[in-house]
């Protein structure tokens, strides 16, 4: 099966649009509060495998500059794909090149620059047209993507990196439902693409539910040769996967593996379909 119908400019299969634009400023403020609250030793702690807190903060700054260059300034110069290089390999390579270049920048200077540039990014997104075509979102299987999904994708990336920094220094996930609900809603837009190789009769439904104040329910429906998050017909899903919010976001960002998430989940119905839904990943991985 495909992950989306061809020739459908409205992107109805992705579900209702998400408006993350008003949340970029508060998310940036939360990042700055986290960074300014770090002790000197915290910057050297591992945040993700192979990257320290300082590395991850520098990576976020690179994302900020990249977004401003593309969408505000129309700047098209920069790294190019090497012959035969995949998207994943290209992204990992240029990320590491950026970190190597920024190794001479102190945490204090890095924080000040993040504060300045991040505010500009927040204002850029606040003014964006959510319906215009924008960068593709590979984990959702759409290129070009509507700006509402592209911007929501960036929002989840910034949020995820802040949580990784928090976890590195012994802090729990920021579970503010105003923000986490948008993060989870965005992550779940990967479901149709996740299920693209799962064959099922038309009308078959797989439902993922995240419990708690930030949670919700997402229903992927088999629609011929694709899966869709468009408003489903009422009916009992063939499989239901119920997750807590912590398990859900960490699964989508591969902080935990699908088998671990499935073991933690409450599953009703077809366990094979439930396992397919738990293969969801909402980052370039």
Protein backbone atom coordinates (compact mmCIF):
# COMPACT_ATOMS: atom_id res chain seq x y z
CA UNK A 1 0.00 0.00 0.00
CA UNK A 2 1.02 3.62 -0.45
CA UNK A 3 1.26 6.04 2.47
CA UNK A 4 -0.88 8.64 0.68
CA UNK A 5 -3.15 9.07 -2.33
CA UNK A 6 -1.46 10.65 -5.32
CA UNK A 7 -2.85 13.86 -6.71
CA UNK A 8 -4.49 15.01 -3.48
CA UNK A 9 -3.33 18.59 -2.92
CA UNK A 10 -5.54 19.09 0.14
CA UNK A 11 -3.58 16.46 2.08
CA UNK A 12 -6.77 15.26 3.77
CA UNK A 13 -5.08 11.93 4.47
CA UNK A 14 -2.80 13.72 6.94
CA UNK A 15 -5.74 14.68 9.13
CA UNK A 16 -6.83 18.11 10.32
CA UNK A 17 -4.15 20.83 10.05
CA UNK A 18 -2.11 21.69 13.13
CA UNK A 19 -1.32 25.28 14.05
CA UNK A 20 1.93 25.27 16.02
CA UNK A 21 2.78 28.86 15.08
CA UNK A 22 1.76 30.53 18.37
CA UNK A 23 3.83 28.06 20.37
CA UNK A 24 7.28 28.77 18.92
CA UNK A 25 7.85 31.80 21.17
CA UNK A 26 6.94 30.03 24.44
CA UNK A 27 8.92 26.96 23.42
CA UNK A 28 11.95 29.13 22.68
CA UNK A 29 11.57 30.87 26.04
CA UNK A 30 11.50 27.47 27.74
CA UNK A 31 14.67 26.41 25.91
CA UNK A 32 16.48 29.55 27.00
CA UNK A 33 15.38 29.07 30.61
CA UNK A 34 16.71 25.51 30.48
CA UNK A 35 20.07 26.52 29.01
CA UNK A 36 20.59 29.50 31.31
CA UNK A 37 19.87 27.25 34.28
CA UNK A 38 22.64 24.77 33.44
CA UNK A 39 25.72 24.38 35.60
CA UNK A 40 29.08 24.52 33.80
CA UNK A 41 29.53 20.76 34.12
CA UNK A 42 26.12 20.11 32.54
CA UNK A 43 27.26 21.25 29.11
CA UNK A 44 29.61 18.26 28.79
CA UNK A 45 27.01 15.62 29.70
CA UNK A 46 25.80 13.26 26.99
CA UNK A 47 22.38 14.30 25.67
CA UNK A 48 22.07 11.78 22.82
CA UNK A 49 24.55 9.06 21.86
CA UNK A 50 27.76 10.76 20.79
CA UNK A 51 26.54 14.32 21.43
CA UNK A 52 26.88 16.44 24.55
CA UNK A 53 24.43 19.06 25.75
CA UNK A 54 26.63 21.70 24.12
CA UNK A 55 26.60 19.75 20.85
CA UNK A 56 22.82 19.50 20.90
CA UNK A 57 22.43 23.23 21.58
CA UNK A 58 24.77 23.97 18.65
CA UNK A 59 22.69 21.65 16.46
CA UNK A 60 19.53 23.59 17.34
CA UNK A 61 21.29 26.82 16.36
CA UNK A 62 22.16 25.25 13.00
CA UNK A 63 18.49 24.41 12.49
CA UNK A 64 17.57 28.00 13.31
CA UNK A 65 20.01 29.41 10.79
CA UNK A 66 18.93 26.92 8.13
CA UNK A 67 15.26 27.87 8.47
CA UNK A 68 15.99 31.60 8.30
CA UNK A 69 18.26 31.14 5.29
CA UNK A 70 15.70 29.12 3.31
CA UNK A 71 12.38 30.71 4.21
CA UNK A 72 13.20 34.28 5.13
CA UNK A 73 16.27 35.10 3.07
CA UNK A 74 15.88 32.83 0.03
CA UNK A 75 19.46 31.65 0.49
CA UNK A 76 20.09 28.49 -1.52
CA UNK A 77 23.82 27.93 -1.03
CA UNK A 78 25.18 25.34 1.36
CA UNK A 79 26.09 21.66 1.55
CA UNK A 80 25.06 19.40 -1.32
CA UNK A 81 24.40 15.69 -1.51
CA UNK A 82 27.44 13.55 -2.22
CA UNK A 83 27.07 11.04 -5.08
CA UNK A 84 24.77 8.23 -3.97
CA UNK A 85 24.20 9.76 -0.53
CA UNK A 86 20.83 9.09 1.11
CA UNK A 87 18.82 11.80 2.86
CA UNK A 88 19.61 10.26 6.24
CA UNK A 89 23.34 10.06 5.53
CA UNK A 90 23.38 13.62 4.18
CA UNK A 91 21.65 15.01 7.27
CA UNK A 92 23.93 13.14 9.68
CA UNK A 93 27.01 14.31 7.77
CA UNK A 94 26.14 18.00 7.65
CA UNK A 95 25.03 17.93 11.28
CA UNK A 96 28.42 16.63 12.33
CA UNK A 97 30.24 19.14 10.13
CA UNK A 98 28.31 21.93 11.85
CA UNK A 99 29.18 20.62 15.32
CA UNK A 100 32.84 20.33 14.41
CA UNK A 101 32.86 23.94 13.23
CA UNK A 102 31.15 25.13 16.42
CA UNK A 103 33.46 23.29 18.81
CA UNK A 104 35.35 26.54 19.48
CA UNK A 105 32.20 28.42 20.61
CA UNK A 106 31.68 28.69 24.35
CA UNK A 107 28.39 27.74 26.03
CA UNK A 108 27.81 31.37 27.03
CA UNK A 109 28.29 32.67 23.48
CA UNK A 110 26.21 29.82 22.11
CA UNK A 111 23.35 30.61 24.49
CA UNK A 112 23.35 34.30 23.62
CA UNK A 113 23.31 33.52 19.90
CA UNK A 114 20.50 31.00 20.32
CA UNK A 115 18.46 33.60 22.15
CA UNK A 116 18.88 36.15 19.37
CA UNK A 117 18.36 33.86 16.39
CA UNK A 118 15.62 31.74 17.96
CA UNK A 119 13.46 34.81 18.47
CA UNK A 120 13.73 35.56 14.76
CA UNK A 121 12.69 31.99 13.92
CA UNK A 122 9.64 32.25 16.18
CA UNK A 123 8.55 35.45 14.43
CA UNK A 124 9.11 33.82 11.02
CA UNK A 125 6.80 30.94 11.85
CA UNK A 126 4.18 33.21 13.43
CA UNK A 127 3.84 35.04 10.10
CA UNK A 128 3.91 31.91 7.88
CA UNK A 129 1.01 30.90 5.63
CA UNK A 130 0.05 27.43 6.93
CA UNK A 131 -1.38 26.30 3.59
CA UNK A 132 1.55 27.14 1.32
CA UNK A 133 3.80 24.31 0.08
CA UNK A 134 7.01 23.90 2.05
CA UNK A 135 9.78 21.44 2.82
CA UNK A 136 8.99 17.75 2.62
CA UNK A 137 8.47 15.75 5.79
CA UNK A 138 10.08 12.40 5.03
CA UNK A 139 8.74 10.54 8.04
CA UNK A 140 5.18 11.47 7.00
CA UNK A 141 5.84 10.50 3.38
CA UNK A 142 4.97 13.87 1.85
CA UNK A 143 7.09 16.19 -0.31
CA UNK A 144 6.36 19.02 -0.59
CA UNK A 145 4.49 19.24 2.69
CA UNK A 146 2.04 21.97 3.59
CA UNK A 147 3.64 24.61 5.79
CA UNK A 148 1.40 23.66 8.71
CA UNK A 149 3.05 20.24 8.83
CA UNK A 150 6.56 21.49 8.07
CA UNK A 151 6.37 24.08 10.83
CA UNK A 152 4.83 21.60 13.28
CA UNK A 153 7.67 19.21 12.44
CA UNK A 154 10.26 21.86 13.33
CA UNK A 155 8.35 22.66 16.51
CA UNK A 156 8.52 19.02 17.60
CA UNK A 157 12.23 18.89 16.83
CA UNK A 158 12.97 21.91 19.01
CA UNK A 159 10.79 20.49 21.79
CA UNK A 160 12.43 17.06 21.57
CA UNK A 161 15.93 18.49 21.79
CA UNK A 162 14.93 20.47 24.87
CA UNK A 163 13.68 17.28 26.51
CA UNK A 164 16.91 15.50 25.63
CA UNK A 165 18.86 18.28 27.34
CA UNK A 166 16.55 18.10 30.37
CA UNK A 167 16.99 14.34 30.65
CA UNK A 168 20.78 14.67 30.36
CA UNK A 169 20.87 16.87 33.46
CA UNK A 170 18.41 14.81 35.48
CA UNK A 171 15.17 16.67 34.79
CA UNK A 172 11.88 15.05 33.85
CA UNK A 173 10.01 15.66 30.60
CA UNK A 174 8.22 19.00 30.48
CA UNK A 175 4.66 17.70 30.38
CA UNK A 176 2.94 21.08 29.82
CA UNK A 177 -0.18 19.85 27.98
CA UNK A 178 -0.50 23.07 25.99
CA UNK A 179 2.72 22.16 24.19
CA UNK A 180 2.93 18.38 24.54
CA UNK A 181 -0.51 17.91 22.98
CA UNK A 182 0.68 19.60 19.77
CA UNK A 183 3.89 17.57 19.81
CA UNK A 184 2.00 14.28 20.08
CA UNK A 185 -0.55 15.32 17.46
CA UNK A 186 2.27 16.11 15.04
CA UNK A 187 4.14 12.89 15.74
CA UNK A 188 1.03 10.83 15.00
CA UNK A 189 0.84 12.23 11.46
CA UNK A 190 3.50 9.61 10.68
CA UNK A 191 0.95 6.79 11.04
CA UNK A 192 -0.14 6.54 7.36
CA UNK A 193 3.48 6.40 6.21
CA UNK A 194 4.33 3.93 8.98
CA UNK A 195 1.59 1.60 7.75
CA UNK A 196 2.35 1.96 4.03
CA UNK A 197 3.47 -1.67 3.67
CA UNK A 198 0.62 -3.10 5.76
CA UNK A 199 -2.05 -4.66 3.54
CA UNK A 200 -5.58 -4.63 4.96
CA UNK A 201 -9.14 -4.58 3.62
CA UNK A 202 -10.54 -1.15 2.82
CA UNK A 203 -12.08 0.34 5.95
CA UNK A 204 -9.79 -1.44 8.40
CA UNK A 205 -8.96 0.90 11.27
CA UNK A 206 -5.95 1.03 13.58
CA UNK A 207 -6.36 3.39 16.51
CA UNK A 208 -3.61 4.86 18.68
CA UNK A 209 -4.67 6.51 21.92
CA UNK A 210 -2.42 8.49 24.23
CA UNK A 211 -3.79 8.87 27.72
CA UNK A 212 -3.46 11.91 29.96
CA UNK A 213 -4.07 15.68 29.69
CA UNK A 214 -1.93 16.04 26.54
CA UNK A 215 -3.26 12.92 24.87
CA UNK A 216 -5.74 12.16 22.13
CA UNK A 217 -6.87 9.48 19.72
CA UNK A 218 -5.69 8.99 16.14
CA UNK A 219 -7.34 6.56 13.72
CA UNK A 220 -5.61 5.34 10.57
CA UNK A 221 -8.01 3.85 8.04
CA UNK A 222 -7.10 1.62 5.11
CA UNK A 223 -8.40 3.40 2.02
CA UNK A 224 -7.68 1.24 -1.00
CA UNK A 225 -3.97 1.48 -1.70
CA UNK A 226 -3.13 3.85 1.16
CA UNK A 227 -3.80 4.68 4.80
CA UNK A 228 -5.48 7.89 5.88
CA UNK A 229 -5.99 9.96 9.02
CA UNK A 230 -9.04 11.68 7.53
CA UNK A 231 -12.09 11.65 9.77
CA UNK A 232 -12.98 7.95 10.12
CA UNK A 233 -16.39 6.35 9.90
CA UNK A 234 -17.74 5.25 13.24
CA UNK A 235 -16.80 1.68 13.96
CA UNK A 236 -14.75 -0.61 16.12
CA UNK A 237 -11.05 -0.52 15.20
CA UNK A 238 -9.36 -3.76 14.28
CA UNK A 239 -6.57 -2.80 16.70
CA UNK A 240 -6.28 -0.29 19.52
CA UNK A 241 -2.94 0.73 21.03
CA UNK A 242 -3.13 2.76 24.25
CA UNK A 243 0.08 4.44 25.41
CA UNK A 244 1.06 6.90 28.12
CA UNK A 245 2.46 10.22 26.87
CA UNK A 246 6.05 9.53 27.94
CA UNK A 247 6.14 6.22 26.09
CA UNK A 248 4.49 7.76 23.02
CA UNK A 249 6.89 10.65 22.49
CA UNK A 250 9.95 8.59 23.25
CA UNK A 251 8.81 5.89 20.82
CA UNK A 252 8.27 8.44 18.05
CA UNK A 253 11.77 9.85 18.57
CA UNK A 254 13.37 6.41 19.12
CA UNK A 255 14.22 7.06 22.73
CA UNK A 256 12.72 3.60 23.17
CA UNK A 257 12.27 0.80 20.64
CA UNK A 258 8.95 -0.47 19.24
CA UNK A 259 9.07 -3.76 21.18
CA UNK A 260 9.45 -1.84 24.44
CA UNK A 261 6.53 0.44 23.60
CA UNK A 262 4.34 -2.49 22.62
CA UNK A 263 5.14 -4.24 25.89
CA UNK A 264 4.07 -1.12 27.82
CA UNK A 265 0.93 -0.57 25.75
CA UNK A 266 -2.58 -1.77 26.40
CA UNK A 267 -3.58 -3.56 23.20
CA UNK A 268 -7.04 -4.56 22.08
CA UNK A 269 -7.76 -6.51 18.92
CA UNK A 270 -5.23 -7.58 16.30
CA UNK A 271 -1.80 -7.59 17.92
CA UNK A 272 0.01 -7.76 14.58
CA UNK A 273 -1.64 -4.53 13.46
CA UNK A 274 -0.88 -2.99 16.84
CA UNK A 275 2.76 -3.94 16.42
CA UNK A 276 2.81 -2.30 12.98
CA UNK A 277 1.52 0.95 14.50
CA UNK A 278 4.25 0.80 17.14
CA UNK A 279 6.88 0.99 14.40
CA UNK A 280 6.02 4.68 14.07
CA UNK A 281 8.99 7.03 13.93
CA UNK A 282 8.59 10.79 13.60
CA UNK A 283 12.18 11.92 13.07
CA UNK A 284 14.80 11.32 10.38
CA UNK A 285 16.26 8.12 11.77
